[in-house]
Amino acid sequence: METPNFYATLPAAVRYDKNLKPSEKLLYAEIVGLTNVKGYCYASNAYFERLYDASTRTVQGWLKHLQDCGYIEIIQVGGGAGEQRAERRICPLVGMTIAPPTPAKICATPAENCGGTPAKKCADPPQKNAGRLLQDNINTREINAGARARENGDVLSILLNGFPDGCGERLRQALKDFAAARAAGKHPLTARAAKLVCSTLQRLADEAGVRDRSGYMAAVLEQSILRGWEGLFALKDDFTDRAPAVRPVNGQDRPREIGPDTDITDFL
């Protein structure tokens, strides 16, 4: 028997075939290492049994499975009447010039379909219109991105222009921050939602009865941003710039007038 090569090639189709046992992959590599220039090896079962400390039945099972999967071909040469004992030739098929047959359903597809790449990693051949499809996808993404940008711009414009009395710098910044916070969450503001934000802020300011309406509405927005709320609610903390309470018109709470002849003990 010829001396095996210093190293053996193990194609990816064999290396990544999950239907093969590690010992079967190692046996295939040994067969490749023993293959001579004629494209086959003629090692006996006894050689593989001694090499891998395995039984005859085990080696026969490995060889049969490799053959069933289309990775080797076993040929018996000679052995007819008046001839010497038949010579067994084991031909590795994957990576050789011989095209392997289609393997059994229990085996992964060998290298004939994808040049040595394991079956599950084989990519389908590109479609004839693949370039056009890729460009269409790029154009669609650009169109969608432009639409989202315009929508975000419209939302911010609605927020900033949704107050008849205008809004101060603090409220403008709070509106921008609130829109950005919603855009980063699961429910970005829509045009309709932006209009509802403006009306809700004005309603909350009316209910609070504050002089600094712009400051109060900014504080409401900042409260929602700070606490991660998507909605708007009356301030949880005391707002110090509330309008003074309106006194009753009937004059019951009007201060009493004290004249020069008034007895002060009447007020005690």
C-alpha atoms as a PDB file:
ATOM      1  CA  MET A   1       0.000   0.000   0.000  1.00  0.00           C
ATOM      2  CA  GLU A   2       1.176   3.472  -0.828  1.00  0.00           C
ATOM      3  CA  THR A   3       2.234   5.824   1.948  1.00  0.00           C
ATOM      4  CA  PRO A   4      -0.594   8.271   2.741  1.00  0.00           C
ATOM      5  CA  ASN A   5      -0.132  11.960   2.055  1.00  0.00           C
ATOM      6  CA  PHE A   6       1.089  14.238   4.823  1.00  0.00           C
ATOM      7  CA  TYR A   7      -2.353  15.860   4.940  1.00  0.00           C
ATOM      8  CA  ALA A   8      -5.799  15.194   3.457  1.00  0.00           C
ATOM      9  CA  THR A   9      -8.457  17.520   2.108  1.00  0.00           C
ATOM     10  CA  LEU A  10     -11.876  17.400   3.747  1.00  0.00           C
ATOM     11  CA  PRO A  11     -14.394  19.267   1.538  1.00  0.00           C
ATOM     12  CA  ALA A  12     -16.997  21.485   3.158  1.00  0.00           C
ATOM     13  CA  ALA A  13     -19.842  19.285   1.885  1.00  0.00           C
ATOM     14  CA  VAL A  14     -18.474  16.427   3.994  1.00  0.00           C
ATOM     15  CA  ARG A  15     -17.260  18.608   6.853  1.00  0.00           C
ATOM     16  CA  TYR A  16     -20.666  20.212   7.474  1.00  0.00           C
ATOM     17  CA  ASP A  17     -22.893  17.212   6.713  1.00  0.00           C
ATOM     18  CA  LYS A  18     -24.767  16.641   9.978  1.00  0.00           C
ATOM     19  CA  ASN A  19     -25.842  13.179   8.800  1.00  0.00           C
ATOM     20  CA  LEU A  20     -22.260  11.937   8.945  1.00  0.00           C
ATOM     21  CA  LYS A  21     -20.588  10.806  12.140  1.00  0.00           C
ATOM     22  CA  PRO A  22     -17.223  12.374  13.038  1.00  0.00           C
ATOM     23  CA  SER A  23     -15.577   8.992  12.475  1.00  0.00           C
ATOM     24  CA  GLU A  24     -17.060   8.785   8.983  1.00  0.00           C
ATOM     25  CA  LYS A  25     -15.689  12.229   8.116  1.00  0.00           C
ATOM     26  CA  LEU A  26     -12.279  11.147   9.400  1.00  0.00           C
ATOM     27  CA  LEU A  27     -12.470   7.967   7.315  1.00  0.00           C
ATOM     28  CA  TYR A  28     -13.295  10.023   4.232  1.00  0.00           C
ATOM     29  CA  ALA A  29     -10.248  12.222   4.873  1.00  0.00           C
ATOM     30  CA  GLU A  30      -8.075   9.097   5.191  1.00  0.00           C
ATOM     31  CA  ILE A  31      -9.427   7.767   1.886  1.00  0.00           C
ATOM     32  CA  VAL A  32      -8.535  11.063   0.209  1.00  0.00           C
ATOM     33  CA  GLY A  33      -5.067  10.916   1.751  1.00  0.00           C
ATOM     34  CA  LEU A  34      -4.551   7.397   0.394  1.00  0.00           C
ATOM     35  CA  THR A  35      -5.898   8.172  -3.051  1.00  0.00           C
ATOM     36  CA  ASN A  36      -3.178   7.860  -5.688  1.00  0.00           C
ATOM     37  CA  VAL A  37      -2.825   9.642  -8.993  1.00  0.00           C
ATOM     38  CA  LYS A  38      -5.348   7.282 -10.543  1.00  0.00           C
ATOM     39  CA  GLY A  39      -8.128   8.690  -8.356  1.00  0.00           C
ATOM     40  CA  TYR A  40      -8.740   5.820  -5.964  1.00  0.00           C
ATOM     41  CA  CYS A  41      -7.321   4.010  -2.955  1.00  0.00           C
ATOM     42  CA  TYR A  42      -7.252   0.246  -2.421  1.00  0.00           C
ATOM     43  CA  ALA A  43      -6.902  -0.025   1.353  1.00  0.00           C
ATOM     44  CA  SER A  44      -8.579  -3.024   2.930  1.00  0.00           C
ATOM     45  CA  ASN A  45     -11.054  -3.077   5.791  1.00  0.00           C
ATOM     46  CA  ALA A  46      -8.317  -4.574   7.974  1.00  0.00           C
ATOM     47  CA  TYR A  47      -6.190  -1.458   7.431  1.00  0.00           C
ATOM     48  CA  PHE A  48      -8.985   0.867   8.628  1.00  0.00           C
ATOM     49  CA  GLU A  49      -9.797  -1.473  11.524  1.00  0.00           C
ATOM     50  CA  ARG A  50      -6.235  -1.270  12.831  1.00  0.00           C
ATOM     51  CA  LEU A  51      -5.980   2.445  12.154  1.00  0.00           C
ATOM     52  CA  TYR A  52      -9.150   3.404  14.050  1.00  0.00           C
ATOM     53  CA  ASP A  53      -9.333   0.439  16.445  1.00  0.00           C
ATOM     54  CA  ALA A  54     -12.764  -0.452  15.090  1.00  0.00           C
ATOM     55  CA  SER A  55     -14.516  -3.706  14.243  1.00  0.00           C
ATOM     56  CA  THR A  56     -15.047  -4.987  10.716  1.00  0.00           C
ATOM     57  CA  ARG A  57     -18.772  -4.357  10.974  1.00  0.00           C
ATOM     58  CA  THR A  58     -18.189  -0.781  12.078  1.00  0.00           C
ATOM     59  CA  VAL A  59     -15.821  -0.008   9.195  1.00  0.00           C
ATOM     60  CA  GLN A  60     -18.207  -1.612   6.707  1.00  0.00           C
ATOM     61  CA  GLY A  61     -21.020   0.544   8.087  1.00  0.00           C
ATOM     62  CA  TRP A  62     -18.951   3.732   7.710  1.00  0.00           C
ATOM     63  CA  LEU A  63     -18.049   2.907   4.117  1.00  0.00           C
ATOM     64  CA  LYS A  64     -21.620   2.026   3.201  1.00  0.00           C
ATOM     65  CA  HIS A  65     -22.961   5.253   4.658  1.00  0.00           C
ATOM     66  CA  LEU A  66     -20.391   7.336   2.784  1.00  0.00           C
ATOM     67  CA  GLN A  67     -21.344   5.519  -0.392  1.00  0.00           C
ATOM     68  CA  ASP A  68     -25.096   5.966   0.224  1.00  0.00           C
ATOM     69  CA  CYS A  69     -24.526   9.685   0.721  1.00  0.00           C
ATOM     70  CA  GLY A  70     -22.674   9.942  -2.582  1.00  0.00           C
ATOM     71  CA  TYR A  71     -19.273  10.810  -1.163  1.00  0.00           C
ATOM     72  CA  ILE A  72     -17.411   7.680  -2.296  1.00  0.00           C
ATOM     73  CA  GLU A  73     -17.796   4.996  -4.912  1.00  0.00           C
ATOM     74  CA  ILE A  74     -16.630   1.410  -4.252  1.00  0.00           C
ATOM     75  CA  ILE A  75     -15.672  -0.633  -7.313  1.00  0.00           C
ATOM     76  CA  GLN A  76     -14.637  -4.276  -7.453  1.00  0.00           C
ATOM     77  CA  VAL A  77     -12.134  -4.967 -10.224  1.00  0.00           C
ATOM     78  CA  GLY A  78     -11.253  -8.484 -11.411  1.00  0.00           C
ATOM     79  CA  GLY A  79     -11.979 -11.638  -9.454  1.00  0.00           C
ATOM     80  CA  GLY A  80     -13.385 -13.589 -12.378  1.00  0.00           C
ATOM     81  CA  ALA A  81     -12.680 -17.220 -13.254  1.00  0.00           C
ATOM     82  CA  GLY A  82      -8.975 -17.909 -13.421  1.00  0.00           C
ATOM     83  CA  GLU A  83      -8.104 -14.458 -12.089  1.00  0.00           C
ATOM     84  CA  GLN A  84      -6.659 -13.336  -8.819  1.00  0.00           C
ATOM     85  CA  ARG A  85      -8.806 -12.079  -5.964  1.00  0.00           C
ATOM     86  CA  ALA A  86     -10.841  -8.970  -6.895  1.00  0.00           C
ATOM     87  CA  GLU A  87      -9.307  -5.633  -6.018  1.00  0.00           C
ATOM     88  CA  ARG A  88     -11.500  -3.118  -4.232  1.00  0.00           C
ATOM     89  CA  ARG A  89     -11.095   0.465  -5.313  1.00  0.00           C
ATOM     90  CA  ILE A  90     -12.542   3.305  -3.200  1.00  0.00           C
ATOM     91  CA  CYS A  91     -12.995   6.496  -5.192  1.00  0.00           C
ATOM     92  CA  PRO A  92     -13.666   9.764  -3.309  1.00  0.00           C
ATOM     93  CA  LEU A  93     -16.175  11.696  -5.371  1.00  0.00           C
ATOM     94  CA  VAL A  94     -16.479  15.125  -3.715  1.00  0.00           C
ATOM     95  CA  GLY A  95     -13.795  17.476  -4.988  1.00  0.00           C
ATOM     96  CA  MET A  96     -12.621  14.997  -7.635  1.00  0.00           C
ATOM     97  CA  THR A  97     -13.182  15.100 -11.354  1.00  0.00           C
ATOM     98  CA  ILE A  98     -15.920  12.484 -11.063  1.00  0.00           C
ATOM     99  CA  ALA A  99     -19.285  14.162 -10.506  1.00  0.00           C
ATOM    100  CA  PRO A 100     -21.049  12.611  -7.511  1.00  0.00           C
ATOM    101  CA  PRO A 101     -24.538  11.219  -7.948  1.00  0.00           C
ATOM    102  CA  THR A 102     -27.469  12.730  -6.112  1.00  0.00           C
ATOM    103  CA  PRO A 103     -27.243  11.477  -2.519  1.00  0.00           C
ATOM    104  CA  ALA A 104     -30.011   9.723  -0.663  1.00  0.00           C
ATOM    105  CA  LYS A 105     -32.627  11.837   1.091  1.00  0.00           C
ATOM    106  CA  ILE A 106     -31.015  11.143   4.442  1.00  0.00           C
ATOM    107  CA  CYS A 107     -27.802  12.867   3.329  1.00  0.00           C
ATOM    108  CA  ALA A 108     -26.996  16.519   2.750  1.00  0.00           C
ATOM    109  CA  THR A 109     -26.429  17.715  -0.790  1.00  0.00           C
ATOM    110  CA  PRO A 110     -22.745  17.244  -1.722  1.00  0.00           C
ATOM    111  CA  ALA A 111     -20.524  19.709  -3.496  1.00  0.00           C
ATOM    112  CA  GLU A 112     -21.898  19.289  -7.027  1.00  0.00           C
ATOM    113  CA  ASN A 113     -24.517  21.944  -6.417  1.00  0.00           C
ATOM    114  CA  CYS A 114     -22.419  24.624  -4.771  1.00  0.00           C
ATOM    115  CA  GLY A 115     -18.741  23.905  -5.199  1.00  0.00           C
ATOM    116  CA  GLY A 116     -17.993  22.517  -1.765  1.00  0.00           C
ATOM    117  CA  THR A 117     -20.228  24.788   0.292  1.00  0.00           C
ATOM    118  CA  PRO A 118     -22.396  22.922   2.843  1.00  0.00           C
ATOM    119  CA  ALA A 119     -25.949  22.421   1.673  1.00  0.00           C
ATOM    120  CA  LYS A 120     -27.688  24.748   4.114  1.00  0.00           C
ATOM    121  CA  LYS A 121     -25.282  27.547   3.245  1.00  0.00           C
ATOM    122  CA  CYS A 122     -25.724  27.252  -0.524  1.00  0.00           C
ATOM    123  CA  ALA A 123     -27.146  30.404  -2.039  1.00  0.00           C
ATOM    124  CA  ASP A 124     -29.584  30.224  -4.936  1.00  0.00           C
ATOM    125  CA  PRO A 125     -28.239  31.572  -8.226  1.00  0.00           C
ATOM    126  CA  PRO A 126     -29.041  35.278  -8.654  1.00  0.00           C
ATOM    127  CA  GLN A 127     -32.100  36.126 -10.669  1.00  0.00           C
ATOM    128  CA  LYS A 128     -31.645  37.773 -14.025  1.00  0.00           C
ATOM    129  CA  ASN A 129     -33.357  40.910 -12.735  1.00  0.00           C
ATOM    130  CA  ALA A 130     -31.565  40.856  -9.352  1.00  0.00           C
ATOM    131  CA  GLY A 131     -29.878  44.202 -10.021  1.00  0.00           C
ATOM    132  CA  ARG A 132     -33.182  45.823 -10.875  1.00  0.00           C
ATOM    133  CA  LEU A 133     -34.861  44.354  -7.800  1.00  0.00           C
ATOM    134  CA  LEU A 134     -32.042  45.643  -5.591  1.00  0.00           C
ATOM    135  CA  GLN A 135     -32.359  49.137  -7.063  1.00  0.00           C
ATOM    136  CA  ASP A 136     -36.136  49.040  -6.584  1.00  0.00           C
ATOM    137  CA  ASN A 137     -35.645  48.103  -2.930  1.00  0.00           C
ATOM    138  CA  ILE A 138     -33.187  50.967  -2.468  1.00  0.00           C
ATOM    139  CA  ASN A 139     -35.599  53.397  -4.110  1.00  0.00           C
ATOM    140  CA  THR A 140     -38.462  52.152  -1.934  1.00  0.00           C
ATOM    141  CA  ARG A 141     -36.419  52.621   1.246  1.00  0.00           C
ATOM    142  CA  GLU A 142     -35.469  56.143   0.154  1.00  0.00           C
ATOM    143  CA  ILE A 143     -39.089  57.005  -0.634  1.00  0.00           C
ATOM    144  CA  ASN A 144     -40.262  55.656   2.738  1.00  0.00           C
ATOM    145  CA  ALA A 145     -37.492  57.530   4.548  1.00  0.00           C
ATOM    146  CA  GLY A 146     -38.465  60.747   2.763  1.00  0.00           C
ATOM    147  CA  ALA A 147     -42.112  60.228   3.631  1.00  0.00           C
ATOM    148  CA  ARG A 148     -41.242  59.687   7.302  1.00  0.00           C
ATOM    149  CA  ALA A 149     -39.086  62.822   7.306  1.00  0.00           C
ATOM    150  CA  ARG A 150     -41.895  64.877   5.790  1.00  0.00           C
ATOM    151  CA  GLU A 151     -44.376  63.445   8.270  1.00  0.00           C
ATOM    152  CA  ASN A 152     -42.080  64.262  11.202  1.00  0.00           C
ATOM    153  CA  GLY A 153     -41.657  67.773   9.845  1.00  0.00           C
ATOM    154  CA  ASP A 154     -45.422  68.177   9.505  1.00  0.00           C
ATOM    155  CA  VAL A 155     -45.970  66.961  13.064  1.00  0.00           C
ATOM    156  CA  LEU A 156     -43.462  69.430  14.498  1.00  0.00           C
ATOM    157  CA  SER A 157     -44.973  72.239  12.425  1.00  0.00           C
ATOM    158  CA  ILE A 158     -48.433  71.419  13.805  1.00  0.00           C
ATOM    159  CA  LEU A 159     -47.105  71.424  17.358  1.00  0.00           C
ATOM    160  CA  LEU A 160     -45.276  74.742  17.054  1.00  0.00           C
ATOM    161  CA  ASN A 161     -48.142  76.489  15.293  1.00  0.00           C
ATOM    162  CA  GLY A 162     -50.967  75.029  17.355  1.00  0.00           C
ATOM    163  CA  PHE A 163     -51.251  77.853  19.915  1.00  0.00           C
ATOM    164  CA  PRO A 164     -53.183  81.021  19.064  1.00  0.00           C
ATOM    165  CA  ASP A 165     -51.189  83.098  21.537  1.00  0.00           C
ATOM    166  CA  GLY A 166     -47.858  81.686  20.347  1.00  0.00           C
ATOM    167  CA  CYS A 167     -45.377  79.858  22.533  1.00  0.00           C
ATOM    168  CA  GLY A 168     -42.226  80.880  24.317  1.00  0.00           C
ATOM    169  CA  GLU A 169     -38.792  79.387  23.835  1.00  0.00           C
ATOM    170  CA  ARG A 170     -39.234  76.935  26.717  1.00  0.00           C
ATOM    171  CA  LEU A 171     -42.498  75.592  25.295  1.00  0.00           C
ATOM    172  CA  ARG A 172     -41.008  75.326  21.787  1.00  0.00           C
ATOM    173  CA  GLN A 173     -38.114  73.277  23.093  1.00  0.00           C
ATOM    174  CA  ALA A 174     -40.434  71.109  25.198  1.00  0.00           C
ATOM    175  CA  LEU A 175     -42.613  70.424  22.151  1.00  0.00           C
ATOM    176  CA  LYS A 176     -39.546  69.387  20.119  1.00  0.00           C
ATOM    177  CA  ASP A 177     -38.303  67.135  22.926  1.00  0.00           C
ATOM    178  CA  PHE A 178     -41.721  65.525  23.371  1.00  0.00           C
ATOM    179  CA  ALA A 179     -42.010  64.811  19.639  1.00  0.00           C
ATOM    180  CA  ALA A 180     -38.510  63.298  19.651  1.00  0.00           C
ATOM    181  CA  ALA A 181     -39.323  61.142  22.685  1.00  0.00           C
ATOM    182  CA  ARG A 182     -42.461  59.817  21.013  1.00  0.00           C
ATOM    183  CA  ALA A 183     -40.576  59.182  17.767  1.00  0.00           C
ATOM    184  CA  ALA A 184     -38.056  57.055  19.685  1.00  0.00           C
ATOM    185  CA  GLY A 185     -40.833  54.975  21.258  1.00  0.00           C
ATOM    186  CA  LYS A 186     -43.382  52.559  19.883  1.00  0.00           C
ATOM    187  CA  HIS A 187     -46.002  55.181  19.041  1.00  0.00           C
ATOM    188  CA  PRO A 188     -44.619  58.204  17.171  1.00  0.00           C
ATOM    189  CA  LEU A 189     -46.867  61.224  16.886  1.00  0.00           C
ATOM    190  CA  THR A 190     -49.107  61.475  13.853  1.00  0.00           C
ATOM    191  CA  ALA A 191     -50.574  64.702  12.491  1.00  0.00           C
ATOM    192  CA  ARG A 192     -53.865  64.037  14.282  1.00  0.00           C
ATOM    193  CA  ALA A 193     -52.065  63.197  17.527  1.00  0.00           C
ATOM    194  CA  ALA A 194     -50.094  66.446  17.273  1.00  0.00           C
ATOM    195  CA  LYS A 195     -53.338  68.427  17.083  1.00  0.00           C
ATOM    196  CA  LEU A 196     -54.651  66.571  20.134  1.00  0.00           C
ATOM    197  CA  VAL A 197     -51.451  67.415  22.022  1.00  0.00           C
ATOM    198  CA  CYS A 198     -52.032  71.135  21.404  1.00  0.00           C
ATOM    199  CA  SER A 199     -55.685  71.016  22.470  1.00  0.00           C
ATOM    200  CA  THR A 200     -54.881  68.916  25.552  1.00  0.00           C
ATOM    201  CA  LEU A 201     -52.156  71.312  26.690  1.00  0.00           C
ATOM    202  CA  GLN A 202     -54.495  74.279  26.392  1.00  0.00           C
ATOM    203  CA  ARG A 203     -57.249  72.443  28.269  1.00  0.00           C
ATOM    204  CA  LEU A 204     -54.884  71.547  31.107  1.00  0.00           C
ATOM    205  CA  ALA A 205     -53.682  75.145  31.330  1.00  0.00           C
ATOM    206  CA  ASP A 206     -57.303  76.364  31.479  1.00  0.00           C
ATOM    207  CA  GLU A 207     -58.143  73.890  34.249  1.00  0.00           C
ATOM    208  CA  ALA A 208     -55.050  74.898  36.233  1.00  0.00           C
ATOM    209  CA  GLY A 209     -55.953  78.622  36.057  1.00  0.00           C
ATOM    210  CA  VAL A 210     -52.349  79.843  35.728  1.00  0.00           C
ATOM    211  CA  ARG A 211     -51.043  83.171  34.528  1.00  0.00           C
ATOM    212  CA  ASP A 212     -47.993  81.693  32.773  1.00  0.00           C
ATOM    213  CA  ARG A 213     -49.836  79.378  30.410  1.00  0.00           C
ATOM    214  CA  SER A 214     -46.792  78.781  28.208  1.00  0.00           C
ATOM    215  CA  GLY A 215     -44.652  77.853  31.216  1.00  0.00           C
ATOM    216  CA  TYR A 216     -47.322  75.518  32.590  1.00  0.00           C
ATOM    217  CA  MET A 217     -47.748  73.710  29.251  1.00  0.00           C
ATOM    218  CA  ALA A 218     -43.963  73.335  28.962  1.00  0.00           C
ATOM    219  CA  ALA A 219     -43.897  71.884  32.495  1.00  0.00           C
ATOM    220  CA  VAL A 220     -46.622  69.363  31.518  1.00  0.00           C
ATOM    221  CA  LEU A 221     -44.561  68.234  28.528  1.00  0.00           C
ATOM    222  CA  GLU A 222     -41.385  68.010  30.604  1.00  0.00           C
ATOM    223  CA  GLN A 223     -43.235  65.941  33.202  1.00  0.00           C
ATOM    224  CA  SER A 224     -44.273  63.378  30.560  1.00  0.00           C
ATOM    225  CA  ILE A 225     -40.774  63.268  29.063  1.00  0.00           C
ATOM    226  CA  LEU A 226     -39.165  62.803  32.480  1.00  0.00           C
ATOM    227  CA  ARG A 227     -41.513  60.003  33.521  1.00  0.00           C
ATOM    228  CA  GLY A 228     -41.639  58.260  30.130  1.00  0.00           C
ATOM    229  CA  TRP A 229     -45.339  58.911  29.575  1.00  0.00           C
ATOM    230  CA  GLU A 230     -46.871  59.041  26.131  1.00  0.00           C
ATOM    231  CA  GLY A 231     -49.863  61.017  27.356  1.00  0.00           C
ATOM    232  CA  LEU A 232     -50.207  64.470  28.943  1.00  0.00           C
ATOM    233  CA  PHE A 233     -51.527  64.996  32.463  1.00  0.00           C
ATOM    234  CA  ALA A 234     -51.956  67.813  34.969  1.00  0.00           C
ATOM    235  CA  LEU A 235     -48.816  68.546  36.942  1.00  0.00           C
ATOM    236  CA  LYS A 236     -48.215  66.244  39.875  1.00  0.00           C
ATOM    237  CA  ASP A 237     -46.028  68.838  41.596  1.00  0.00           C
ATOM    238  CA  ASP A 238     -47.231  72.250  42.731  1.00  0.00           C
ATOM    239  CA  PHE A 239     -46.948  74.930  40.050  1.00  0.00           C
ATOM    240  CA  THR A 240     -46.029  78.174  41.836  1.00  0.00           C
ATOM    241  CA  ASP A 241     -47.264  80.585  39.173  1.00  0.00           C
ATOM    242  CA  ARG A 242     -50.987  80.051  39.548  1.00  0.00           C
ATOM    243  CA  ALA A 243     -53.366  82.966  39.096  1.00  0.00           C
ATOM    244  CA  PRO A 244     -54.772  84.445  42.340  1.00  0.00           C
ATOM    245  CA  ALA A 245     -58.185  83.228  43.386  1.00  0.00           C
ATOM    246  CA  VAL A 246     -61.069  85.387  42.104  1.00  0.00           C
ATOM    247  CA  ARG A 247     -63.056  86.922  44.967  1.00  0.00           C
ATOM    248  CA  PRO A 248     -66.842  86.586  45.011  1.00  0.00           C
ATOM    249  CA  VAL A 249     -68.723  89.500  43.486  1.00  0.00           C
ATOM    250  CA  ASN A 250     -71.202  89.751  46.363  1.00  0.00           C
ATOM    251  CA  GLY A 251     -68.609  91.500  48.563  1.00  0.00           C
ATOM    252  CA  GLN A 252     -68.880  89.062  51.464  1.00  0.00           C
ATOM    253  CA  ASP A 253     -65.112  88.709  51.681  1.00  0.00           C
ATOM    254  CA  ARG A 254     -64.469  92.449  51.210  1.00  0.00           C
ATOM    255  CA  PRO A 255     -62.366  93.902  54.096  1.00  0.00           C
ATOM    256  CA  ARG A 256     -64.301  95.929  56.699  1.00  0.00           C
ATOM    257  CA  GLU A 257     -63.762  99.659  56.901  1.00  0.00           C
ATOM    258  CA  ILE A 258     -62.753 101.079  60.306  1.00  0.00           C
ATOM    259  CA  GLY A 259     -63.865 104.641  61.069  1.00  0.00           C
ATOM    260  CA  PRO A 260     -62.705 107.030  63.823  1.00  0.00           C
ATOM    261  CA  ASP A 261     -65.706 106.144  66.001  1.00  0.00           C
ATOM    262  CA  THR A 262     -65.605 102.389  65.359  1.00  0.00           C
ATOM    263  CA  ASP A 263     -65.181 100.201  68.443  1.00  0.00           C
ATOM    264  CA  ILE A 264     -62.281  97.876  67.599  1.00  0.00           C
ATOM    265  CA  THR A 265     -63.521  95.288  70.078  1.00  0.00           C
ATOM    266  CA  ASP A 266     -66.271  94.482  67.589  1.00  0.00           C
ATOM    267  CA  PHE A 267     -63.617  92.789  65.416  1.00  0.00           C
ATOM    268  CA  LEU A 268     -62.264  90.629  68.231  1.00  0.00           C
END
